[in-house]
Amino acid sequence: MLDFVSSRARQKFEPVYPDDDAKYEQELEFNLDKLSPQVACPHTVDNVHPIEEIKGEKINMAFLGTCCNARLEDLKIAADIVRGKKVAPGVRFQITPASQLVYLQAVKEGIVETLIDAGGYVTNS
């Protein structure tokens, strides 16, 4: 985590760590193996449903972006899914990379080309 932050920080910083004897109100554990992919549905970002609940629904737009998605890893996964395929007629597929740095790396790795070849279009963040 520190490597990630250090490579992006615009000024020097000192990490903050908990005291050795720190006590926490509660600790939560989640089994992420049991979490299915989630989809944000119209018209608010908190209208989220497991993908199984909306399977088969017709859409007219797919959006890969926001503050939660469109990291380089997300773009790679999307490119793997759409590689060799085409977006359905009548569906717009908008990709908004999380940052200019993510966009440039995705271009270098051919990810953006794959997404565009599938029928997507890229906007700036």
N, C-alpha and C. Protein backbone atom coordinates (compact mmCIF):
# COMPACT_ATOMS: atom_id res chain seq x y z
N MET A 1 0.83 -1.18 0.00
CA MET A 1 0.00 0.00 0.00
C MET A 1 0.88 1.25 0.00
N LEU A 2 1.92 1.23 0.81
CA LEU A 2 2.79 2.41 0.87
C LEU A 2 3.46 2.68 -0.47
N ASP A 3 3.83 1.62 -1.19
CA ASP A 3 4.43 1.81 -2.51
C ASP A 3 3.45 2.50 -3.45
N PHE A 4 2.19 2.07 -3.40
CA PHE A 4 1.16 2.65 -4.25
C PHE A 4 0.99 4.14 -3.94
N VAL A 5 0.85 4.46 -2.67
CA VAL A 5 0.64 5.86 -2.27
C VAL A 5 1.89 6.69 -2.56
N SER A 6 3.05 6.16 -2.25
CA SER A 6 4.30 6.90 -2.46
C SER A 6 4.50 7.27 -3.93
N SER A 7 4.11 6.37 -4.82
CA SER A 7 4.30 6.64 -6.25
C SER A 7 3.34 7.71 -6.77
N ARG A 8 2.32 8.05 -5.99
CA ARG A 8 1.32 9.02 -6.44
C ARG A 8 1.26 10.29 -5.59
N ALA A 9 1.90 10.27 -4.44
CA ALA A 9 1.84 11.43 -3.54
C ALA A 9 2.53 12.63 -4.17
N ARG A 10 1.95 13.78 -3.97
CA ARG A 10 2.53 15.01 -4.52
C ARG A 10 3.44 15.71 -3.54
N GLN A 11 3.48 15.21 -2.32
CA GLN A 11 4.38 15.78 -1.32
C GLN A 11 4.77 14.68 -0.35
N LYS A 12 5.81 14.93 0.42
CA LYS A 12 6.29 13.95 1.38
C LYS A 12 5.24 13.75 2.47
N PHE A 13 5.11 12.53 2.95
CA PHE A 13 4.15 12.24 4.00
C PHE A 13 4.73 11.22 4.97
N GLU A 14 4.17 11.20 6.16
CA GLU A 14 4.55 10.22 7.17
C GLU A 14 3.34 9.32 7.43
N PRO A 15 3.50 8.02 7.25
CA PRO A 15 2.37 7.12 7.52
C PRO A 15 1.96 7.17 8.99
N VAL A 16 0.70 6.91 9.25
CA VAL A 16 0.18 6.87 10.62
C VAL A 16 -0.17 5.41 10.93
N TYR A 17 0.36 4.92 12.03
CA TYR A 17 0.12 3.54 12.44
C TYR A 17 -0.59 3.52 13.79
N PRO A 18 -1.34 2.45 14.08
CA PRO A 18 -1.99 2.36 15.40
C PRO A 18 -0.96 2.06 16.48
N ASP A 19 -1.28 2.45 17.71
CA ASP A 19 -0.43 2.08 18.84
C ASP A 19 -0.45 0.56 18.99
N ASP A 20 0.62 0.02 19.58
CA ASP A 20 0.69 -1.43 19.78
C ASP A 20 -0.45 -1.95 20.64
N ASP A 21 -0.94 -1.13 21.56
CA ASP A 21 -2.02 -1.57 22.44
C ASP A 21 -3.39 -1.02 22.02
N ALA A 22 -3.51 -0.62 20.77
CA ALA A 22 -4.77 -0.05 20.29
C ALA A 22 -5.90 -1.06 20.42
N LYS A 23 -7.07 -0.55 20.81
CA LYS A 23 -8.26 -1.39 20.92
C LYS A 23 -9.27 -0.87 19.89
N TYR A 24 -9.99 -1.79 19.29
CA TYR A 24 -10.94 -1.43 18.25
C TYR A 24 -12.36 -1.72 18.72
N GLU A 25 -13.28 -0.90 18.27
CA GLU A 25 -14.69 -1.08 18.62
C GLU A 25 -15.17 -2.46 18.17
N GLN A 26 -14.81 -2.83 16.94
CA GLN A 26 -15.17 -4.15 16.42
C GLN A 26 -14.29 -4.49 15.23
N GLU A 27 -14.19 -5.75 14.95
CA GLU A 27 -13.48 -6.22 13.76
C GLU A 27 -14.48 -6.99 12.92
N LEU A 28 -14.46 -6.73 11.63
CA LEU A 28 -15.38 -7.40 10.72
C LEU A 28 -14.58 -8.26 9.75
N GLU A 29 -15.07 -9.45 9.48
CA GLU A 29 -14.46 -10.33 8.50
C GLU A 29 -15.50 -10.65 7.44
N PHE A 30 -15.07 -10.66 6.20
CA PHE A 30 -15.96 -10.97 5.08
C PHE A 30 -15.35 -12.07 4.25
N ASN A 31 -16.17 -13.03 3.85
CA ASN A 31 -15.72 -14.08 2.95
C ASN A 31 -15.99 -13.60 1.53
N LEU A 32 -14.98 -13.04 0.90
CA LEU A 32 -15.16 -12.46 -0.43
C LEU A 32 -15.37 -13.51 -1.51
N ASP A 33 -15.04 -14.77 -1.19
CA ASP A 33 -15.29 -15.85 -2.15
C ASP A 33 -16.78 -16.04 -2.39
N LYS A 34 -17.59 -15.62 -1.43
CA LYS A 34 -19.04 -15.79 -1.55
C LYS A 34 -19.74 -14.54 -2.09
N LEU A 35 -18.98 -13.48 -2.35
CA LEU A 35 -19.56 -12.25 -2.87
C LEU A 35 -19.61 -12.33 -4.39
N SER A 36 -20.79 -12.18 -4.95
CA SER A 36 -20.92 -12.22 -6.41
C SER A 36 -20.70 -10.82 -6.97
N PRO A 37 -20.41 -10.72 -8.27
CA PRO A 37 -20.26 -9.39 -8.88
C PRO A 37 -21.51 -8.56 -8.65
N GLN A 38 -21.32 -7.27 -8.45
CA GLN A 38 -22.41 -6.34 -8.18
C GLN A 38 -22.57 -5.37 -9.34
N VAL A 39 -23.79 -4.93 -9.57
CA VAL A 39 -24.08 -4.00 -10.65
C VAL A 39 -24.83 -2.81 -10.07
N ALA A 40 -24.36 -1.60 -10.40
CA ALA A 40 -25.08 -0.38 -10.02
C ALA A 40 -26.12 -0.11 -11.10
N CYS A 41 -27.36 -0.03 -10.70
CA CYS A 41 -28.47 0.16 -11.64
C CYS A 41 -28.95 1.61 -11.58
N PRO A 42 -29.73 2.03 -12.60
CA PRO A 42 -30.22 3.40 -12.58
C PRO A 42 -31.09 3.63 -11.35
N HIS A 43 -31.15 4.74 -10.90
CA HIS A 43 -30.60 6.03 -11.29
C HIS A 43 -29.67 6.58 -10.23
N THR A 44 -29.28 5.76 -9.30
CA THR A 44 -28.34 6.20 -8.28
C THR A 44 -27.26 5.13 -8.08
N VAL A 45 -26.07 5.57 -7.68
CA VAL A 45 -24.96 4.63 -7.53
C VAL A 45 -25.16 3.63 -6.41
N ASP A 46 -26.07 3.93 -5.48
CA ASP A 46 -26.30 2.98 -4.39
C ASP A 46 -27.44 2.01 -4.69
N ASN A 47 -27.96 2.04 -5.89
CA ASN A 47 -28.96 1.08 -6.33
C ASN A 47 -28.21 -0.14 -6.89
N VAL A 48 -27.65 -0.93 -5.99
CA VAL A 48 -26.74 -2.01 -6.36
C VAL A 48 -27.41 -3.36 -6.15
N HIS A 49 -27.19 -4.26 -7.10
CA HIS A 49 -27.78 -5.60 -7.04
C HIS A 49 -26.76 -6.64 -7.48
N PRO A 50 -26.85 -7.85 -6.91
CA PRO A 50 -26.01 -8.94 -7.42
C PRO A 50 -26.35 -9.20 -8.89
N ILE A 51 -25.35 -9.51 -9.66
CA ILE A 51 -25.56 -9.68 -11.10
C ILE A 51 -26.60 -10.75 -11.40
N GLU A 52 -26.73 -11.74 -10.53
CA GLU A 52 -27.72 -12.80 -10.75
C GLU A 52 -29.15 -12.26 -10.77
N GLU A 53 -29.39 -11.17 -10.03
CA GLU A 53 -30.74 -10.60 -9.97
C GLU A 53 -31.15 -9.88 -11.24
N ILE A 54 -30.19 -9.44 -12.03
CA ILE A 54 -30.53 -8.66 -13.22
C ILE A 54 -30.17 -9.38 -14.51
N LYS A 55 -29.69 -10.60 -14.40
CA LYS A 55 -29.32 -11.37 -15.59
C LYS A 55 -30.51 -11.44 -16.54
N GLY A 56 -30.26 -11.15 -17.81
CA GLY A 56 -31.31 -11.20 -18.81
C GLY A 56 -32.00 -9.87 -19.06
N GLU A 57 -31.78 -8.88 -18.19
CA GLU A 57 -32.38 -7.55 -18.40
C GLU A 57 -31.75 -6.89 -19.61
N LYS A 58 -32.56 -6.27 -20.44
CA LYS A 58 -32.02 -5.52 -21.58
C LYS A 58 -31.51 -4.17 -21.08
N ILE A 59 -30.37 -3.76 -21.63
CA ILE A 59 -29.80 -2.46 -21.27
C ILE A 59 -29.55 -1.66 -22.53
N ASN A 60 -29.41 -0.34 -22.37
CA ASN A 60 -29.04 0.49 -23.51
C ASN A 60 -27.72 1.21 -23.26
N MET A 61 -27.17 1.04 -22.04
CA MET A 61 -25.88 1.64 -21.75
C MET A 61 -25.16 0.84 -20.68
N ALA A 62 -23.86 0.66 -20.90
CA ALA A 62 -22.98 0.06 -19.89
C ALA A 62 -21.90 1.09 -19.59
N PHE A 63 -21.62 1.28 -18.31
CA PHE A 63 -20.66 2.30 -17.90
C PHE A 63 -19.61 1.67 -17.01
N LEU A 64 -18.36 1.78 -17.41
CA LEU A 64 -17.24 1.31 -16.61
C LEU A 64 -16.50 2.55 -16.15
N GLY A 65 -16.68 2.92 -14.88
CA GLY A 65 -16.07 4.14 -14.40
C GLY A 65 -16.44 4.44 -12.96
N THR A 66 -16.52 5.66 -12.62
CA THR A 66 -16.78 6.25 -11.31
C THR A 66 -15.59 6.10 -10.39
N CYS A 67 -15.78 6.52 -9.16
CA CYS A 67 -14.70 6.47 -8.19
C CYS A 67 -14.41 5.05 -7.72
N CYS A 68 -15.31 4.13 -8.01
CA CYS A 68 -15.14 2.75 -7.53
C CYS A 68 -14.55 1.82 -8.57
N ASN A 69 -14.60 2.16 -9.81
CA ASN A 69 -14.15 1.27 -10.87
C ASN A 69 -13.24 2.01 -11.82
N ALA A 70 -12.82 1.29 -12.84
CA ALA A 70 -11.98 1.80 -13.91
C ALA A 70 -10.55 2.00 -13.47
N ARG A 71 -10.15 1.23 -12.45
CA ARG A 71 -8.72 1.12 -12.16
C ARG A 71 -8.13 0.27 -13.28
N LEU A 72 -6.84 0.22 -13.38
CA LEU A 72 -6.21 -0.56 -14.44
C LEU A 72 -6.68 -2.02 -14.36
N GLU A 73 -6.77 -2.57 -13.15
CA GLU A 73 -7.20 -3.95 -12.99
C GLU A 73 -8.62 -4.15 -13.53
N ASP A 74 -9.50 -3.18 -13.28
CA ASP A 74 -10.87 -3.26 -13.77
C ASP A 74 -10.92 -3.23 -15.29
N LEU A 75 -10.11 -2.35 -15.88
CA LEU A 75 -10.08 -2.26 -17.34
C LEU A 75 -9.55 -3.55 -17.95
N LYS A 76 -8.55 -4.16 -17.32
CA LYS A 76 -8.02 -5.44 -17.82
C LYS A 76 -9.09 -6.52 -17.79
N ILE A 77 -9.83 -6.59 -16.70
CA ILE A 77 -10.90 -7.59 -16.59
C ILE A 77 -11.95 -7.36 -17.68
N ALA A 78 -12.35 -6.11 -17.86
CA ALA A 78 -13.35 -5.79 -18.89
C ALA A 78 -12.83 -6.15 -20.27
N ALA A 79 -11.56 -5.85 -20.54
CA ALA A 79 -10.98 -6.18 -21.85
C ALA A 79 -10.97 -7.68 -22.07
N ASP A 80 -10.66 -8.44 -21.04
CA ASP A 80 -10.68 -9.91 -21.16
C ASP A 80 -12.08 -10.41 -21.47
N ILE A 81 -13.08 -9.78 -20.87
CA ILE A 81 -14.47 -10.20 -21.09
C ILE A 81 -14.93 -9.90 -22.51
N VAL A 82 -14.58 -8.72 -23.05
CA VAL A 82 -15.10 -8.31 -24.36
C VAL A 82 -14.18 -8.65 -25.53
N ARG A 83 -12.99 -9.15 -25.25
CA ARG A 83 -12.04 -9.46 -26.33
C ARG A 83 -12.70 -10.39 -27.36
N GLY A 84 -12.67 -9.96 -28.62
CA GLY A 84 -13.24 -10.76 -29.70
C GLY A 84 -14.76 -10.69 -29.80
N LYS A 85 -15.37 -9.86 -28.99
CA LYS A 85 -16.83 -9.72 -29.00
C LYS A 85 -17.20 -8.30 -29.39
N LYS A 86 -18.48 -8.08 -29.62
CA LYS A 86 -18.99 -6.74 -29.95
C LYS A 86 -20.13 -6.39 -29.01
N VAL A 87 -20.19 -5.11 -28.65
CA VAL A 87 -21.31 -4.60 -27.87
C VAL A 87 -22.58 -4.77 -28.70
N ALA A 88 -23.66 -5.14 -28.07
CA ALA A 88 -24.93 -5.37 -28.78
C ALA A 88 -25.40 -4.09 -29.45
N PRO A 89 -26.07 -4.21 -30.59
CA PRO A 89 -26.63 -3.03 -31.25
C PRO A 89 -27.56 -2.29 -30.30
N GLY A 90 -27.46 -0.97 -30.31
CA GLY A 90 -28.31 -0.15 -29.46
C GLY A 90 -27.78 0.05 -28.06
N VAL A 91 -26.61 -0.52 -27.75
CA VAL A 91 -26.02 -0.36 -26.42
C VAL A 91 -24.76 0.50 -26.53
N ARG A 92 -24.71 1.52 -25.69
CA ARG A 92 -23.50 2.35 -25.59
C ARG A 92 -22.65 1.81 -24.45
N PHE A 93 -21.34 1.69 -24.70
CA PHE A 93 -20.41 1.18 -23.69
C PHE A 93 -19.37 2.26 -23.41
N GLN A 94 -19.60 3.02 -22.34
CA GLN A 94 -18.72 4.14 -21.98
C GLN A 94 -17.69 3.69 -20.96
N ILE A 95 -16.43 4.00 -21.25
CA ILE A 95 -15.33 3.68 -20.35
C ILE A 95 -14.69 4.99 -19.90
N THR A 96 -14.63 5.21 -18.60
CA THR A 96 -14.01 6.40 -18.05
C THR A 96 -12.93 5.97 -17.06
N PRO A 97 -11.68 5.87 -17.52
CA PRO A 97 -10.60 5.44 -16.63
C PRO A 97 -10.52 6.33 -15.38
N ALA A 98 -10.08 5.74 -14.29
CA ALA A 98 -10.05 6.42 -13.00
C ALA A 98 -9.13 7.63 -12.98
N SER A 99 -8.11 7.63 -13.82
CA SER A 99 -7.17 8.75 -13.85
C SER A 99 -6.45 8.77 -15.20
N GLN A 100 -5.75 9.86 -15.44
CA GLN A 100 -4.95 9.98 -16.66
C GLN A 100 -3.85 8.92 -16.66
N LEU A 101 -3.27 8.66 -15.50
CA LEU A 101 -2.22 7.65 -15.37
C LEU A 101 -2.75 6.26 -15.74
N VAL A 102 -3.93 5.93 -15.25
CA VAL A 102 -4.56 4.65 -15.59
C VAL A 102 -4.83 4.59 -17.09
N TYR A 103 -5.35 5.67 -17.65
CA TYR A 103 -5.64 5.71 -19.09
C TYR A 103 -4.37 5.47 -19.91
N LEU A 104 -3.30 6.17 -19.58
CA LEU A 104 -2.05 6.02 -20.34
C LEU A 104 -1.50 4.60 -20.25
N GLN A 105 -1.56 4.01 -19.07
CA GLN A 105 -1.07 2.64 -18.92
C GLN A 105 -1.95 1.66 -19.70
N ALA A 106 -3.25 1.90 -19.69
CA ALA A 106 -4.18 1.04 -20.44
C ALA A 106 -3.93 1.15 -21.94
N VAL A 107 -3.58 2.34 -22.41
CA VAL A 107 -3.23 2.52 -23.82
C VAL A 107 -1.97 1.72 -24.13
N LYS A 108 -0.94 1.87 -23.30
CA LYS A 108 0.33 1.17 -23.52
C LYS A 108 0.16 -0.34 -23.56
N GLU A 109 -0.75 -0.86 -22.73
CA GLU A 109 -0.94 -2.31 -22.64
C GLU A 109 -1.94 -2.85 -23.66
N GLY A 110 -2.50 -1.97 -24.50
CA GLY A 110 -3.45 -2.42 -25.52
C GLY A 110 -4.86 -2.65 -25.01
N ILE A 111 -5.09 -2.30 -23.76
CA ILE A 111 -6.40 -2.52 -23.15
C ILE A 111 -7.45 -1.61 -23.78
N VAL A 112 -7.10 -0.35 -23.98
CA VAL A 112 -8.05 0.60 -24.57
C VAL A 112 -8.42 0.16 -25.98
N GLU A 113 -7.45 -0.30 -26.74
CA GLU A 113 -7.73 -0.78 -28.10
C GLU A 113 -8.74 -1.93 -28.08
N THR A 114 -8.57 -2.86 -27.16
CA THR A 114 -9.49 -3.99 -27.05
C THR A 114 -10.90 -3.51 -26.73
N LEU A 115 -11.02 -2.57 -25.80
CA LEU A 115 -12.33 -2.05 -25.42
C LEU A 115 -13.00 -1.30 -26.58
N ILE A 116 -12.21 -0.53 -27.31
CA ILE A 116 -12.75 0.21 -28.46
C ILE A 116 -13.13 -0.76 -29.57
N ASP A 117 -12.29 -1.77 -29.82
CA ASP A 117 -12.61 -2.77 -30.85
C ASP A 117 -13.94 -3.46 -30.57
N ALA A 118 -14.29 -3.59 -29.31
CA ALA A 118 -15.55 -4.23 -28.93
C ALA A 118 -16.74 -3.29 -29.09
N GLY A 119 -16.46 -2.00 -29.33
CA GLY A 119 -17.54 -1.04 -29.51
C GLY A 119 -17.65 -0.02 -28.40
N GLY A 120 -16.70 -0.03 -27.48
CA GLY A 120 -16.70 0.95 -26.41
C GLY A 120 -16.13 2.28 -26.86
N TYR A 121 -16.35 3.29 -26.06
CA TYR A 121 -15.73 4.59 -26.30
C TYR A 121 -15.21 5.11 -24.97
N VAL A 122 -14.12 5.87 -25.03
CA VAL A 122 -13.44 6.33 -23.82
C VAL A 122 -13.68 7.81 -23.61
N THR A 123 -14.00 8.18 -22.37
CA THR A 123 -14.11 9.58 -21.99
C THR A 123 -13.08 9.87 -20.91
N ASN A 124 -12.82 11.14 -20.68
CA ASN A 124 -11.83 11.48 -19.64
C ASN A 124 -12.49 11.55 -18.27
N SER A 125 -11.63 11.33 -17.25
CA SER A 125 -12.16 11.33 -15.88
C SER A 125 -12.11 12.71 -15.28
